[in-house]
Structure formats: C-alpha cells, structure tokens
Amino acid sequence: MPIQLTPTKIKGSKYLLIPKDLAQLLEIDDKSILNLTIEDTDRGQRLIYSIREKSSNPVQDKVYKKIG
C-alpha cells in the first residue's frame, strides 16, 4: 500500500520524513540504518528503502573487546 510523502526542505537540502506512526510500526529509531536503491522504470525512478540491522557503538565494542 503506497503512501505519499512530500519533501521537506532544510538548508537547501530535501528530505523525506518518515511519519511517526510508520516509524514505530517498522521499529525505526535513531540507530536504524536504511539503504536507498534507485531503480529506473518506464514510469520514472523508483526509490526503494531497505532497513538494515541497527548500528552498534564501535567505541563501546572496542571497550568490551579489551575487557573480555
């Protein structure tokens, strides 16, 4: 089911904001990493976002490796 998003302009750049309810449904938070793929179709370009695993804190990972 498609939803319509309107770009938001901030300091000359344009962003697609994820509605709060959709972000909660997809469990997207500040540590989420999304990949963007752009496909050319006969109707124009298609933006495809995929959600990767949440990022970890590399500094914290190094501390655990030194302790353990």
PDB file of N, CA and C in Angstrom:
ATOM      1  N   MET A   1       0.845  -1.170   0.000  1.00  0.00           N
ATOM      2  CA  MET A   1       0.000   0.000   0.000  1.00  0.00           C
ATOM      3  C   MET A   1       0.898   1.245   0.000  1.00  0.00           C
ATOM      4  N   PRO A   2       0.897   2.020  -1.068  1.00  0.00           N
ATOM      5  CA  PRO A   2       1.764   3.205  -1.137  1.00  0.00           C
ATOM      6  C   PRO A   2       1.246   4.348  -0.261  1.00  0.00           C
ATOM      7  N   ILE A   3       2.188   5.137   0.234  1.00  0.00           N
ATOM      8  CA  ILE A   3       1.835   6.370   0.929  1.00  0.00           C
ATOM      9  C   ILE A   3       2.516   7.512   0.182  1.00  0.00           C
ATOM     10  N   GLN A   4       1.968   8.698   0.287  1.00  0.00           N
ATOM     11  CA  GLN A   4       2.525   9.852  -0.402  1.00  0.00           C
ATOM     12  C   GLN A   4       3.299  10.705   0.593  1.00  0.00           C
ATOM     13  N   LEU A   5       4.569  10.984   0.259  1.00  0.00           N
ATOM     14  CA  LEU A   5       5.415  11.825   1.096  1.00  0.00           C
ATOM     15  C   LEU A   5       5.779  13.084   0.320  1.00  0.00           C
ATOM     16  N   THR A   6       5.799  14.205   0.995  1.00  0.00           N
ATOM     17  CA  THR A   6       6.202  15.469   0.394  1.00  0.00           C
ATOM     18  C   THR A   6       7.580  15.830   0.931  1.00  0.00           C
ATOM     19  N   PRO A   7       8.545  16.139   0.048  1.00  0.00           N
ATOM     20  CA  PRO A   7       9.881  16.504   0.524  1.00  0.00           C
ATOM     21  C   PRO A   7       9.847  17.735   1.426  1.00  0.00           C
ATOM     22  N   THR A   8      10.694  17.718   2.442  1.00  0.00           N
ATOM     23  CA  THR A   8      10.853  18.839   3.363  1.00  0.00           C
ATOM     24  C   THR A   8      12.213  19.468   3.098  1.00  0.00           C
ATOM     25  N   LYS A   9      12.242  20.787   2.907  1.00  0.00           N
ATOM     26  CA  LYS A   9      13.495  21.484   2.612  1.00  0.00           C
ATOM     27  C   LYS A   9      14.102  22.018   3.905  1.00  0.00           C
ATOM     28  N   ILE A  10      15.372  21.662   4.137  1.00  0.00           N
ATOM     29  CA  ILE A  10      16.120  22.151   5.295  1.00  0.00           C
ATOM     30  C   ILE A  10      17.491  22.583   4.796  1.00  0.00           C
ATOM     31  N   LYS A  11      17.784  23.863   4.911  1.00  0.00           N
ATOM     32  CA  LYS A  11      19.077  24.433   4.496  1.00  0.00           C
ATOM     33  C   LYS A  11      19.485  24.007   3.086  1.00  0.00           C
ATOM     34  N   GLY A  12      18.588  24.089   2.147  1.00  0.00           N
ATOM     35  CA  GLY A  12      18.912  23.809   0.756  1.00  0.00           C
ATOM     36  C   GLY A  12      18.840  22.347   0.353  1.00  0.00           C
ATOM     37  N   SER A  13      18.756  21.431   1.314  1.00  0.00           N
ATOM     38  CA  SER A  13      18.630  20.001   1.007  1.00  0.00           C
ATOM     39  C   SER A  13      17.179  19.583   1.176  1.00  0.00           C
ATOM     40  N   LYS A  14      16.800  18.512   0.508  1.00  0.00           N
ATOM     41  CA  LYS A  14      15.432  17.998   0.632  1.00  0.00           C
ATOM     42  C   LYS A  14      15.463  16.622   1.282  1.00  0.00           C
ATOM     43  N   TYR A  15      14.532  16.412   2.190  1.00  0.00           N
ATOM     44  CA  TYR A  15      14.454  15.178   2.969  1.00  0.00           C
ATOM     45  C   TYR A  15      13.056  14.586   2.864  1.00  0.00           C
ATOM     46  N   LEU A  16      12.982  13.262   2.891  1.00  0.00           N
ATOM     47  CA  LEU A  16      11.701  12.583   3.010  1.00  0.00           C
ATOM     48  C   LEU A  16      11.576  12.134   4.457  1.00  0.00           C
ATOM     49  N   LEU A  17      10.632  12.713   5.164  1.00  0.00           N
ATOM     50  CA  LEU A  17      10.446  12.395   6.578  1.00  0.00           C
ATOM     51  C   LEU A  17       9.535  11.179   6.715  1.00  0.00           C
ATOM     52  N   ILE A  18       9.886  10.305   7.637  1.00  0.00           N
ATOM     53  CA  ILE A  18       9.084   9.115   7.902  1.00  0.00           C
ATOM     54  C   ILE A  18       8.039   9.483   8.956  1.00  0.00           C
ATOM     55  N   PRO A  19       6.754   9.317   8.638  1.00  0.00           N
ATOM     56  CA  PRO A  19       5.728   9.620   9.638  1.00  0.00           C
ATOM     57  C   PRO A  19       5.950   8.806  10.921  1.00  0.00           C
ATOM     58  N   LYS A  20       5.674   9.433  12.063  1.00  0.00           N
ATOM     59  CA  LYS A  20       5.931   8.826  13.372  1.00  0.00           C
ATOM     60  C   LYS A  20       5.279   7.447  13.516  1.00  0.00           C
ATOM     61  N   ASP A  21       4.020   7.328  13.113  1.00  0.00           N
ATOM     62  CA  ASP A  21       3.318   6.042  13.241  1.00  0.00           C
ATOM     63  C   ASP A  21       3.981   4.952  12.403  1.00  0.00           C
ATOM     64  N   LEU A  22       4.445   5.306  11.202  1.00  0.00           N
ATOM     65  CA  LEU A  22       5.115   4.335  10.340  1.00  0.00           C
ATOM     66  C   LEU A  22       6.472   3.940  10.921  1.00  0.00           C
ATOM     67  N   ALA A  23       7.200   4.909  11.457  1.00  0.00           N
ATOM     68  CA  ALA A  23       8.496   4.621  12.086  1.00  0.00           C
ATOM     69  C   ALA A  23       8.314   3.668  13.270  1.00  0.00           C
ATOM     70  N   GLN A  24       7.274   3.884  14.052  1.00  0.00           N
ATOM     71  CA  GLN A  24       7.007   2.993  15.188  1.00  0.00           C
ATOM     72  C   GLN A  24       6.627   1.597  14.707  1.00  0.00           C
ATOM     73  N   LEU A  25       5.801   1.519  13.676  1.00  0.00           N
ATOM     74  CA  LEU A  25       5.372   0.229  13.135  1.00  0.00           C
ATOM     75  C   LEU A  25       6.561  -0.571  12.607  1.00  0.00           C
ATOM     76  N   LEU A  26       7.496   0.110  11.936  1.00  0.00           N
ATOM     77  CA  LEU A  26       8.668  -0.549  11.360  1.00  0.00           C
ATOM     78  C   LEU A  26       9.848  -0.616  12.326  1.00  0.00           C
ATOM     79  N   GLU A  27       9.645  -0.114  13.546  1.00  0.00           N
ATOM     80  CA  GLU A  27      10.677  -0.086  14.590  1.00  0.00           C
ATOM     81  C   GLU A  27      11.935   0.648  14.128  1.00  0.00           C
ATOM     82  N   ILE A  28      11.736   1.795  13.474  1.00  0.00           N
ATOM     83  CA  ILE A  28      12.843   2.639  13.034  1.00  0.00           C
ATOM     84  C   ILE A  28      13.121   3.647  14.135  1.00  0.00           C
ATOM     85  N   ASP A  29      14.378   3.704  14.583  1.00  0.00           N
ATOM     86  CA  ASP A  29      14.754   4.683  15.596  1.00  0.00           C
ATOM     87  C   ASP A  29      16.063   5.353  15.190  1.00  0.00           C
ATOM     88  N   ASP A  30      16.679   6.089  16.103  1.00  0.00           N
ATOM     89  CA  ASP A  30      17.894   6.851  15.795  1.00  0.00           C
ATOM     90  C   ASP A  30      19.079   5.972  15.413  1.00  0.00           C
ATOM     91  N   LYS A  31      19.067   4.700  15.792  1.00  0.00           N
ATOM     92  CA  LYS A  31      20.186   3.809  15.469  1.00  0.00           C
ATOM     93  C   LYS A  31      19.921   2.958  14.227  1.00  0.00           C
ATOM     94  N   SER A  32      18.751   3.093  13.632  1.00  0.00           N
ATOM     95  CA  SER A  32      18.419   2.317  12.439  1.00  0.00           C
ATOM     96  C   SER A  32      19.233   2.805  11.248  1.00  0.00           C
ATOM     97  N   ILE A  33      19.579   1.872  10.374  1.00  0.00           N
ATOM     98  CA  ILE A  33      20.287   2.203   9.140  1.00  0.00           C
ATOM     99  C   ILE A  33      19.394   1.784   7.981  1.00  0.00           C
ATOM    100  N   LEU A  34      19.111   2.732   7.095  1.00  0.00           N
ATOM    101  CA  LEU A  34      18.303   2.448   5.918  1.00  0.00           C
ATOM    102  C   LEU A  34      19.165   2.589   4.678  1.00  0.00           C
ATOM    103  N   ASN A  35      19.037   1.648   3.757  1.00  0.00           N
ATOM    104  CA  ASN A  35      19.729   1.713   2.471  1.00  0.00           C
ATOM    105  C   ASN A  35      18.746   2.186   1.418  1.00  0.00           C
ATOM    106  N   LEU A  36      19.208   3.040   0.510  1.00  0.00           N
ATOM    107  CA  LEU A  36      18.376   3.551  -0.572  1.00  0.00           C
ATOM    108  C   LEU A  36      18.891   3.010  -1.896  1.00  0.00           C
ATOM    109  N   THR A  37      17.992   2.409  -2.668  1.00  0.00           N
ATOM    110  CA  THR A  37      18.296   1.952  -4.018  1.00  0.00           C
ATOM    111  C   THR A  37      17.397   2.730  -4.968  1.00  0.00           C
ATOM    112  N   ILE A  38      17.968   3.211  -6.066  1.00  0.00           N
ATOM    113  CA  ILE A  38      17.189   3.948  -7.062  1.00  0.00           C
ATOM    114  C   ILE A  38      17.126   3.097  -8.323  1.00  0.00           C
ATOM    115  N   GLU A  39      15.909   2.787  -8.760  1.00  0.00           N
ATOM    116  CA  GLU A  39      15.710   1.980  -9.962  1.00  0.00           C
ATOM    117  C   GLU A  39      15.032   2.821 -11.031  1.00  0.00           C
ATOM    118  N   ASP A  40      15.494   2.693 -12.268  1.00  0.00           N
ATOM    119  CA  ASP A  40      14.821   3.332 -13.399  1.00  0.00           C
ATOM    120  C   ASP A  40      13.736   2.396 -13.907  1.00  0.00           C
ATOM    121  N   THR A  41      12.544   2.930 -14.095  1.00  0.00           N
ATOM    122  CA  THR A  41      11.438   2.156 -14.641  1.00  0.00           C
ATOM    123  C   THR A  41      10.864   2.924 -15.827  1.00  0.00           C
ATOM    124  N   ASP A  42       9.909   2.317 -16.518  1.00  0.00           N
ATOM    125  CA  ASP A  42       9.275   3.007 -17.638  1.00  0.00           C
ATOM    126  C   ASP A  42       8.405   4.175 -17.161  1.00  0.00           C
ATOM    127  N   ARG A  43       8.099   4.241 -15.886  1.00  0.00           N
ATOM    128  CA  ARG A  43       7.303   5.342 -15.314  1.00  0.00           C
ATOM    129  C   ARG A  43       8.163   6.414 -14.655  1.00  0.00           C
ATOM    130  N   GLY A  44       9.465   6.214 -14.604  1.00  0.00           N
ATOM    131  CA  GLY A  44      10.367   7.160 -13.937  1.00  0.00           C
ATOM    132  C   GLY A  44      11.272   6.422 -12.970  1.00  0.00           C
ATOM    133  N   GLN A  45      11.728   7.115 -11.950  1.00  0.00           N
ATOM    134  CA  GLN A  45      12.599   6.491 -10.956  1.00  0.00           C
ATOM    135  C   GLN A  45      11.777   5.983  -9.774  1.00  0.00           C
ATOM    136  N   ARG A  46      12.261   4.889  -9.200  1.00  0.00           N
ATOM    137  CA  ARG A  46      11.628   4.302  -8.020  1.00  0.00           C
ATOM    138  C   ARG A  46      12.662   4.298  -6.902  1.00  0.00           C
ATOM    139  N   LEU A  47      12.287   4.848  -5.749  1.00  0.00           N
ATOM    140  CA  LEU A  47      13.154   4.843  -4.572  1.00  0.00           C
ATOM    141  C   LEU A  47      12.754   3.662  -3.704  1.00  0.00           C
ATOM    142  N   ILE A  48      13.717   2.799  -3.413  1.00  0.00           N
ATOM    143  CA  ILE A  48      13.442   1.618  -2.592  1.00  0.00           C
ATOM    144  C   ILE A  48      14.335   1.676  -1.358  1.00  0.00           C
ATOM    145  N   TYR A  49      13.698   1.735  -0.194  1.00  0.00           N
ATOM    146  CA  TYR A  49      14.431   1.759   1.068  1.00  0.00           C
ATOM    147  C   TYR A  49      14.384   0.376   1.701  1.00  0.00           C
ATOM    148  N   SER A  50      15.516  -0.064   2.227  1.00  0.00           N
ATOM    149  CA  SER A  50      15.540  -1.308   2.991  1.00  0.00           C
ATOM    150  C   SER A  50      16.156  -1.005   4.353  1.00  0.00           C
ATOM    151  N   ILE A  51      15.667  -1.686   5.370  1.00  0.00           N
ATOM    152  CA  ILE A  51      16.119  -1.450   6.741  1.00  0.00           C
ATOM    153  C   ILE A  51      17.147  -2.510   7.102  1.00  0.00           C
ATOM    154  N   ARG A  52      18.339  -2.058   7.469  1.00  0.00           N
ATOM    155  CA  ARG A  52      19.387  -2.976   7.929  1.00  0.00           C
ATOM    156  C   ARG A  52      19.287  -3.131   9.434  1.00  0.00           C
ATOM    157  N   GLU A  53      20.127  -4.016   9.980  1.00  0.00           N
ATOM    158  CA  GLU A  53      20.177  -4.155  11.436  1.00  0.00           C
ATOM    159  C   GLU A  53      20.628  -2.843  12.046  1.00  0.00           C
ATOM    160  N   LYS A  54      20.246  -2.616  13.258  1.00  0.00           N
ATOM    161  CA  LYS A  54      20.626  -1.384  13.950  1.00  0.00           C
ATOM    162  C   LYS A  54      22.130  -1.338  14.147  1.00  0.00           C
ATOM    163  N   SER A  55      22.678  -0.133  14.055  1.00  0.00           N
ATOM    164  CA  SER A  55      24.125   0.030  14.218  1.00  0.00           C
ATOM    165  C   SER A  55      24.493  -0.122  15.681  1.00  0.00           C
ATOM    166  N   SER A  56      25.715  -0.547  15.904  1.00  0.00           N
ATOM    167  CA  SER A  56      26.218  -0.630  17.272  1.00  0.00           C
ATOM    168  C   SER A  56      27.219   0.489  17.470  1.00  0.00           C
ATOM    169  N   ASN A  57      27.594   0.720  18.688  1.00  0.00           N
ATOM    170  CA  ASN A  57      28.550   1.770  19.018  1.00  0.00           C
ATOM    171  C   ASN A  57      29.953   1.187  18.916  1.00  0.00           C
ATOM    172  N   PRO A  58      30.764   1.580  17.881  1.00  0.00           N
ATOM    173  CA  PRO A  58      32.093   0.986  17.719  1.00  0.00           C
ATOM    174  C   PRO A  58      33.018   1.247  18.900  1.00  0.00           C
ATOM    175  N   VAL A  59      32.893   2.396  19.560  1.00  0.00           N
ATOM    176  CA  VAL A  59      33.733   2.692  20.727  1.00  0.00           C
ATOM    177  C   VAL A  59      33.394   1.720  21.845  1.00  0.00           C
ATOM    178  N   GLN A  60      32.114   1.498  22.071  1.00  0.00           N
ATOM    179  CA  GLN A  60      31.677   0.573  23.114  1.00  0.00           C
ATOM    180  C   GLN A  60      32.134  -0.847  22.773  1.00  0.00           C
ATOM    181  N   ASP A  61      32.076  -1.248  21.488  1.00  0.00           N
ATOM    182  CA  ASP A  61      32.526  -2.581  21.086  1.00  0.00           C
ATOM    183  C   ASP A  61      34.002  -2.767  21.402  1.00  0.00           C
ATOM    184  N   LYS A  62      34.831  -1.750  21.188  1.00  0.00           N
ATOM    185  CA  LYS A  62      36.262  -1.840  21.474  1.00  0.00           C
ATOM    186  C   LYS A  62      36.509  -2.015  22.965  1.00  0.00           C
ATOM    187  N   VAL A  63      35.723  -1.311  23.793  1.00  0.00           N
ATOM    188  CA  VAL A  63      35.878  -1.426  25.244  1.00  0.00           C
ATOM    189  C   VAL A  63      35.581  -2.856  25.675  1.00  0.00           C
ATOM    190  N   TYR A  64      34.503  -3.459  25.162  1.00  0.00           N
ATOM    191  CA  TYR A  64      34.164  -4.827  25.532  1.00  0.00           C
ATOM    192  C   TYR A  64      35.239  -5.801  25.083  1.00  0.00           C
ATOM    193  N   LYS A  65      35.843  -5.586  23.925  1.00  0.00           N
ATOM    194  CA  LYS A  65      36.898  -6.482  23.450  1.00  0.00           C
ATOM    195  C   LYS A  65      38.126  -6.407  24.349  1.00  0.00           C
ATOM    196  N   LYS A  66      38.452  -5.220  24.843  1.00  0.00           N
ATOM    197  CA  LYS A  66      39.621  -5.069  25.712  1.00  0.00           C
ATOM    198  C   LYS A  66      39.377  -5.713  27.068  1.00  0.00           C
ATOM    199  N   ILE A  67      38.159  -5.575  27.600  1.00  0.00           N
ATOM    200  CA  ILE A  67      37.842  -6.123  28.918  1.00  0.00           C
ATOM    201  C   ILE A  67      37.734  -7.643  28.840  1.00  0.00           C
ATOM    202  N   GLY A  68      37.037  -8.139  27.815  1.00  0.00           N
ATOM    203  CA  GLY A  68      36.762  -9.571  27.691  1.00  0.00           C
ATOM    204  C   GLY A  68      37.891 -10.283  27.154  1.00  0.00           C
TER     205      GLY A  68
END
